[in-house]
């Protein structure tokens, strides 16, 4: 049995490509832990099967009519949508459902870490970062700031580092600085204040 026979190769691609597109779209939209490739192949096949199950009626309708002969452009556009567009749409629907409060009663939130959740909102904050040694670093987290996302280790770049006053408030931005990067292993906790 030769695995490189064209019919086996086509069958393999039909059951891998849509699922692979779903997996990659999901990992781009929602940070998650990377799985090893053997588990990803099984997931890709499962998601491809789900894609075909959801589109079963349109696929049967297209195949039972002679659309391929009467309108080959529409036929191939339809299957481009089945293989490449629909897997992305299912991920967007799944992401939307998982963020709904009603759905979260039966399934966990899609974002694994609070770090990713808070910073994915792309809000501006005044932050006080308490380091493990007790030092407090204050700064502005805004449009030019950046944080790492899962599966990378947590790091934060504050576009402005501020001098803190004796009462724990923000006194003024430090002069001649373009911000500060703080590594995960240095952080004890972070306090956020509306900007």
C-alpha atoms as a PDB file:
ATOM      1  CA  UNK A   1       0.000   0.000   0.000  1.00  0.00           C
ATOM      2  CA  UNK A   2       1.584   3.259  -1.157  1.00  0.00           C
ATOM      3  CA  UNK A   3       0.600   6.319   0.929  1.00  0.00           C
ATOM      4  CA  UNK A   4       1.629   8.631  -1.927  1.00  0.00           C
ATOM      5  CA  UNK A   5      -1.185   7.439  -4.197  1.00  0.00           C
ATOM      6  CA  UNK A   6      -3.172  10.479  -5.244  1.00  0.00           C
ATOM      7  CA  UNK A   7      -6.519   9.295  -3.818  1.00  0.00           C
ATOM      8  CA  UNK A   8      -4.983   8.620  -0.380  1.00  0.00           C
ATOM      9  CA  UNK A   9      -3.170  11.950  -0.420  1.00  0.00           C
ATOM     10  CA  UNK A  10      -6.362  13.825  -1.334  1.00  0.00           C
ATOM     11  CA  UNK A  11      -8.296  11.995   1.388  1.00  0.00           C
ATOM     12  CA  UNK A  12      -5.592  12.881   3.912  1.00  0.00           C
ATOM     13  CA  UNK A  13      -5.659  16.577   2.913  1.00  0.00           C
ATOM     14  CA  UNK A  14      -9.465  16.701   3.005  1.00  0.00           C
ATOM     15  CA  UNK A  15      -9.445  15.538   6.604  1.00  0.00           C
ATOM     16  CA  UNK A  16      -6.465  17.586   7.780  1.00  0.00           C
ATOM     17  CA  UNK A  17      -6.611  21.019   6.106  1.00  0.00           C
ATOM     18  CA  UNK A  18      -9.950  22.357   7.515  1.00  0.00           C
ATOM     19  CA  UNK A  19      -9.113  21.154  11.026  1.00  0.00           C
ATOM     20  CA  UNK A  20      -5.581  22.521  10.815  1.00  0.00           C
ATOM     21  CA  UNK A  21      -6.974  25.925   9.763  1.00  0.00           C
ATOM     22  CA  UNK A  22      -9.360  25.847  12.743  1.00  0.00           C
ATOM     23  CA  UNK A  23      -6.545  24.953  15.150  1.00  0.00           C
ATOM     24  CA  UNK A  24      -4.253  27.708  13.897  1.00  0.00           C
ATOM     25  CA  UNK A  25      -7.037  30.316  13.864  1.00  0.00           C
ATOM     26  CA  UNK A  26      -7.972  29.390  17.433  1.00  0.00           C
ATOM     27  CA  UNK A  27      -4.369  29.626  18.628  1.00  0.00           C
ATOM     28  CA  UNK A  28      -4.023  33.063  16.995  1.00  0.00           C
ATOM     29  CA  UNK A  29      -7.213  34.399  18.590  1.00  0.00           C
ATOM     30  CA  UNK A  30      -6.975  32.714  21.992  1.00  0.00           C
ATOM     31  CA  UNK A  31      -3.569  32.059  23.533  1.00  0.00           C
ATOM     32  CA  UNK A  32      -3.277  28.431  24.574  1.00  0.00           C
ATOM     33  CA  UNK A  33      -0.760  25.743  25.374  1.00  0.00           C
ATOM     34  CA  UNK A  34       0.963  24.171  22.400  1.00  0.00           C
ATOM     35  CA  UNK A  35       0.194  20.473  21.910  1.00  0.00           C
ATOM     36  CA  UNK A  36       2.524  17.952  20.364  1.00  0.00           C
ATOM     37  CA  UNK A  37       1.965  17.238  16.675  1.00  0.00           C
ATOM     38  CA  UNK A  38       0.440  13.770  17.163  1.00  0.00           C
ATOM     39  CA  UNK A  39      -2.385  15.258  19.257  1.00  0.00           C
ATOM     40  CA  UNK A  40      -2.818  18.102  16.762  1.00  0.00           C
ATOM     41  CA  UNK A  41      -3.330  15.644  13.900  1.00  0.00           C
ATOM     42  CA  UNK A  42      -6.099  13.886  15.832  1.00  0.00           C
ATOM     43  CA  UNK A  43      -7.670  17.267  16.695  1.00  0.00           C
ATOM     44  CA  UNK A  44      -7.380  18.414  13.064  1.00  0.00           C
ATOM     45  CA  UNK A  45      -9.188  15.296  11.838  1.00  0.00           C
ATOM     46  CA  UNK A  46     -11.903  15.739  14.475  1.00  0.00           C
ATOM     47  CA  UNK A  47     -12.427  19.424  13.593  1.00  0.00           C
ATOM     48  CA  UNK A  48     -12.496  18.606   9.880  1.00  0.00           C
ATOM     49  CA  UNK A  49     -15.212  16.015  10.538  1.00  0.00           C
ATOM     50  CA  UNK A  50     -17.192  18.566  12.552  1.00  0.00           C
ATOM     51  CA  UNK A  51     -16.807  21.069   9.689  1.00  0.00           C
ATOM     52  CA  UNK A  52     -18.261  18.550   7.223  1.00  0.00           C
ATOM     53  CA  UNK A  53     -21.039  17.597   9.652  1.00  0.00           C
ATOM     54  CA  UNK A  54     -22.126  21.226  10.047  1.00  0.00           C
ATOM     55  CA  UNK A  55     -22.068  21.696   6.273  1.00  0.00           C
ATOM     56  CA  UNK A  56     -23.585  18.333   5.372  1.00  0.00           C
ATOM     57  CA  UNK A  57     -26.862  19.682   3.952  1.00  0.00           C
ATOM     58  CA  UNK A  58     -25.201  22.332   1.723  1.00  0.00           C
ATOM     59  CA  UNK A  59     -22.624  19.750   0.543  1.00  0.00           C
ATOM     60  CA  UNK A  60     -25.356  17.213  -0.308  1.00  0.00           C
ATOM     61  CA  UNK A  61     -27.345  19.923  -2.094  1.00  0.00           C
ATOM     62  CA  UNK A  62     -24.344  20.996  -4.199  1.00  0.00           C
ATOM     63  CA  UNK A  63     -23.365  17.410  -4.999  1.00  0.00           C
ATOM     64  CA  UNK A  64     -26.908  16.248  -5.867  1.00  0.00           C
ATOM     65  CA  UNK A  65     -27.455  19.099  -8.331  1.00  0.00           C
ATOM     66  CA  UNK A  66     -25.326  19.417 -11.412  1.00  0.00           C
ATOM     67  CA  UNK A  67     -23.733  22.687 -10.275  1.00  0.00           C
ATOM     68  CA  UNK A  68     -20.268  21.436 -11.224  1.00  0.00           C
ATOM     69  CA  UNK A  69     -21.328  21.229 -14.891  1.00  0.00           C
ATOM     70  CA  UNK A  70     -23.630  24.270 -15.037  1.00  0.00           C
ATOM     71  CA  UNK A  71     -21.574  26.654 -12.903  1.00  0.00           C
ATOM     72  CA  UNK A  72     -18.066  25.332 -12.211  1.00  0.00           C
ATOM     73  CA  UNK A  73     -16.883  28.656 -10.761  1.00  0.00           C
ATOM     74  CA  UNK A  74     -19.594  28.619  -8.088  1.00  0.00           C
ATOM     75  CA  UNK A  75     -18.893  24.953  -7.414  1.00  0.00           C
ATOM     76  CA  UNK A  76     -15.202  25.530  -6.738  1.00  0.00           C
ATOM     77  CA  UNK A  77     -15.900  28.734  -4.763  1.00  0.00           C
ATOM     78  CA  UNK A  78     -18.277  26.745  -2.572  1.00  0.00           C
ATOM     79  CA  UNK A  79     -15.618  24.149  -1.806  1.00  0.00           C
ATOM     80  CA  UNK A  80     -13.011  26.838  -1.180  1.00  0.00           C
ATOM     81  CA  UNK A  81     -15.429  28.161   1.420  1.00  0.00           C
ATOM     82  CA  UNK A  82     -15.935  24.672   2.873  1.00  0.00           C
ATOM     83  CA  UNK A  83     -12.189  23.993   3.154  1.00  0.00           C
ATOM     84  CA  UNK A  84     -10.787  27.418   4.048  1.00  0.00           C
ATOM     85  CA  UNK A  85     -13.499  29.901   5.165  1.00  0.00           C
ATOM     86  CA  UNK A  86     -15.911  27.765   7.199  1.00  0.00           C
ATOM     87  CA  UNK A  87     -13.187  26.488   9.594  1.00  0.00           C
ATOM     88  CA  UNK A  88     -12.387  30.106  10.485  1.00  0.00           C
ATOM     89  CA  UNK A  89     -16.067  30.994  10.920  1.00  0.00           C
ATOM     90  CA  UNK A  90     -16.597  28.048  13.335  1.00  0.00           C
ATOM     91  CA  UNK A  91     -13.711  29.310  15.474  1.00  0.00           C
ATOM     92  CA  UNK A  92     -15.148  32.836  15.565  1.00  0.00           C
ATOM     93  CA  UNK A  93     -18.562  31.473  16.584  1.00  0.00           C
ATOM     94  CA  UNK A  94     -16.956  29.224  19.224  1.00  0.00           C
ATOM     95  CA  UNK A  95     -14.926  32.140  20.634  1.00  0.00           C
ATOM     96  CA  UNK A  96     -18.057  34.311  20.797  1.00  0.00           C
ATOM     97  CA  UNK A  97     -20.060  31.541  22.529  1.00  0.00           C
ATOM     98  CA  UNK A  98     -17.339  30.808  25.092  1.00  0.00           C
ATOM     99  CA  UNK A  99     -17.236  34.443  26.161  1.00  0.00           C
ATOM    100  CA  UNK A 100     -20.977  34.543  26.842  1.00  0.00           C
ATOM    101  CA  UNK A 101     -21.893  34.417  30.530  1.00  0.00           C
ATOM    102  CA  UNK A 102     -24.555  31.760  29.990  1.00  0.00           C
ATOM    103  CA  UNK A 103     -22.070  29.453  28.279  1.00  0.00           C
ATOM    104  CA  UNK A 104     -19.435  29.989  30.965  1.00  0.00           C
ATOM    105  CA  UNK A 105     -21.706  28.308  33.487  1.00  0.00           C
ATOM    106  CA  UNK A 106     -21.088  24.997  31.707  1.00  0.00           C
ATOM    107  CA  UNK A 107     -17.619  25.574  30.227  1.00  0.00           C
ATOM    108  CA  UNK A 108     -14.542  27.463  31.400  1.00  0.00           C
ATOM    109  CA  UNK A 109     -13.487  30.810  29.947  1.00  0.00           C
ATOM    110  CA  UNK A 110     -11.356  30.298  26.823  1.00  0.00           C
ATOM    111  CA  UNK A 111      -8.483  32.422  28.123  1.00  0.00           C
ATOM    112  CA  UNK A 112      -6.245  30.283  30.294  1.00  0.00           C
ATOM    113  CA  UNK A 113      -4.449  32.914  32.386  1.00  0.00           C
ATOM    114  CA  UNK A 114      -5.694  36.117  34.057  1.00  0.00           C
ATOM    115  CA  UNK A 115      -2.547  37.772  32.653  1.00  0.00           C
ATOM    116  CA  UNK A 116      -3.768  37.153  29.092  1.00  0.00           C
ATOM    117  CA  UNK A 117      -7.350  38.066  29.969  1.00  0.00           C
ATOM    118  CA  UNK A 118      -6.609  41.500  31.435  1.00  0.00           C
ATOM    119  CA  UNK A 119      -4.063  42.543  28.833  1.00  0.00           C
ATOM    120  CA  UNK A 120      -6.071  41.211  25.860  1.00  0.00           C
ATOM    121  CA  UNK A 121      -8.665  43.905  26.610  1.00  0.00           C
ATOM    122  CA  UNK A 122      -6.140  46.515  25.404  1.00  0.00           C
ATOM    123  CA  UNK A 123      -7.212  49.067  28.018  1.00  0.00           C
ATOM    124  CA  UNK A 124      -4.979  51.774  29.430  1.00  0.00           C
ATOM    125  CA  UNK A 125      -4.061  51.533  33.117  1.00  0.00           C
ATOM    126  CA  UNK A 126      -1.919  53.070  35.779  1.00  0.00           C
ATOM    127  CA  UNK A 127      -0.087  50.080  37.217  1.00  0.00           C
ATOM    128  CA  UNK A 128       1.760  49.472  40.454  1.00  0.00           C
ATOM    129  CA  UNK A 129       3.976  46.427  40.187  1.00  0.00           C
ATOM    130  CA  UNK A 130       5.184  45.042  43.479  1.00  0.00           C
ATOM    131  CA  UNK A 131       8.362  43.066  43.011  1.00  0.00           C
ATOM    132  CA  UNK A 132       9.302  40.011  45.051  1.00  0.00           C
ATOM    133  CA  UNK A 133      11.817  42.109  47.019  1.00  0.00           C
ATOM    134  CA  UNK A 134       9.047  44.580  48.005  1.00  0.00           C
ATOM    135  CA  UNK A 135      10.017  47.376  45.589  1.00  0.00           C
ATOM    136  CA  UNK A 136       7.032  49.079  43.947  1.00  0.00           C
ATOM    137  CA  UNK A 137       7.351  50.194  40.335  1.00  0.00           C
ATOM    138  CA  UNK A 138       4.684  52.518  38.989  1.00  0.00           C
ATOM    139  CA  UNK A 139       3.988  53.258  35.381  1.00  0.00           C
ATOM    140  CA  UNK A 140       1.599  53.850  32.551  1.00  0.00           C
ATOM    141  CA  UNK A 141       0.355  50.894  30.525  1.00  0.00           C
ATOM    142  CA  UNK A 142      -1.198  52.231  27.330  1.00  0.00           C
ATOM    143  CA  UNK A 143      -1.164  51.962  23.533  1.00  0.00           C
ATOM    144  CA  UNK A 144       2.653  51.743  23.226  1.00  0.00           C
ATOM    145  CA  UNK A 145       3.018  49.276  26.106  1.00  0.00           C
ATOM    146  CA  UNK A 146       3.204  45.535  25.567  1.00  0.00           C
ATOM    147  CA  UNK A 147       2.819  42.250  27.412  1.00  0.00           C
ATOM    148  CA  UNK A 148       3.729  38.739  26.422  1.00  0.00           C
ATOM    149  CA  UNK A 149       0.957  36.192  25.997  1.00  0.00           C
ATOM    150  CA  UNK A 150       0.669  32.481  26.646  1.00  0.00           C
ATOM    151  CA  UNK A 151       2.535  30.187  26.137  1.00  0.00           C
ATOM    152  CA  UNK A 152       5.442  32.667  26.570  1.00  0.00           C
ATOM    153  CA  UNK A 153       6.475  33.610  30.092  1.00  0.00           C
ATOM    154  CA  UNK A 154       4.905  36.778  31.466  1.00  0.00           C
ATOM    155  CA  UNK A 155       6.796  39.987  30.734  1.00  0.00           C
ATOM    156  CA  UNK A 156       5.483  43.525  30.722  1.00  0.00           C
ATOM    157  CA  UNK A 157       6.757  46.651  29.005  1.00  0.00           C
ATOM    158  CA  UNK A 158       5.456  49.934  30.445  1.00  0.00           C
ATOM    159  CA  UNK A 159       5.830  52.828  28.053  1.00  0.00           C
ATOM    160  CA  UNK A 160       6.332  55.216  30.987  1.00  0.00           C
ATOM    161  CA  UNK A 161       8.020  54.524  34.316  1.00  0.00           C
ATOM    162  CA  UNK A 162       6.838  56.840  37.118  1.00  0.00           C
ATOM    163  CA  UNK A 163       8.308  58.003  40.404  1.00  0.00           C
ATOM    164  CA  UNK A 164       5.987  57.063  43.259  1.00  0.00           C
ATOM    165  CA  UNK A 165       5.295  59.493  46.148  1.00  0.00           C
ATOM    166  CA  UNK A 166       5.293  58.627  49.865  1.00  0.00           C
ATOM    167  CA  UNK A 167       1.538  57.924  49.824  1.00  0.00           C
ATOM    168  CA  UNK A 168       1.845  55.349  47.038  1.00  0.00           C
ATOM    169  CA  UNK A 169       0.546  57.704  44.356  1.00  0.00           C
ATOM    170  CA  UNK A 170       2.055  58.613  41.022  1.00  0.00           C
ATOM    171  CA  UNK A 171       4.253  61.711  41.330  1.00  0.00           C
ATOM    172  CA  UNK A 172       5.721  62.233  37.869  1.00  0.00           C
ATOM    173  CA  UNK A 173       7.126  60.371  34.883  1.00  0.00           C
ATOM    174  CA  UNK A 174      10.836  59.615  35.061  1.00  0.00           C
ATOM    175  CA  UNK A 175      12.962  61.840  32.841  1.00  0.00           C
ATOM    176  CA  UNK A 176      15.049  60.503  29.939  1.00  0.00           C
ATOM    177  CA  UNK A 177      13.481  57.062  29.864  1.00  0.00           C
ATOM    178  CA  UNK A 178      11.547  55.172  27.212  1.00  0.00           C
ATOM    179  CA  UNK A 179       9.813  52.862  29.625  1.00  0.00           C
ATOM    180  CA  UNK A 180      10.696  49.715  31.514  1.00  0.00           C
ATOM    181  CA  UNK A 181      10.510  45.943  30.981  1.00  0.00           C
ATOM    182  CA  UNK A 182       9.777  43.746  33.975  1.00  0.00           C
ATOM    183  CA  UNK A 183      10.322  39.988  33.886  1.00  0.00           C
ATOM    184  CA  UNK A 184       7.936  37.396  35.311  1.00  0.00           C
ATOM    185  CA  UNK A 185      10.304  36.054  37.962  1.00  0.00           C
ATOM    186  CA  UNK A 186      10.582  39.546  39.516  1.00  0.00           C
ATOM    187  CA  UNK A 187       6.835  40.222  39.909  1.00  0.00           C
ATOM    188  CA  UNK A 188       4.904  39.468  43.091  1.00  0.00           C
ATOM    189  CA  UNK A 189       1.645  41.157  42.066  1.00  0.00           C
ATOM    190  CA  UNK A 190       0.235  43.996  39.955  1.00  0.00           C
ATOM    191  CA  UNK A 191      -2.396  46.576  40.912  1.00  0.00           C
ATOM    192  CA  UNK A 192      -4.388  48.263  38.143  1.00  0.00           C
ATOM    193  CA  UNK A 193      -5.983  51.715  38.356  1.00  0.00           C
ATOM    194  CA  UNK A 194      -8.185  53.185  35.629  1.00  0.00           C
ATOM    195  CA  UNK A 195      -6.267  55.533  33.382  1.00  0.00           C
END
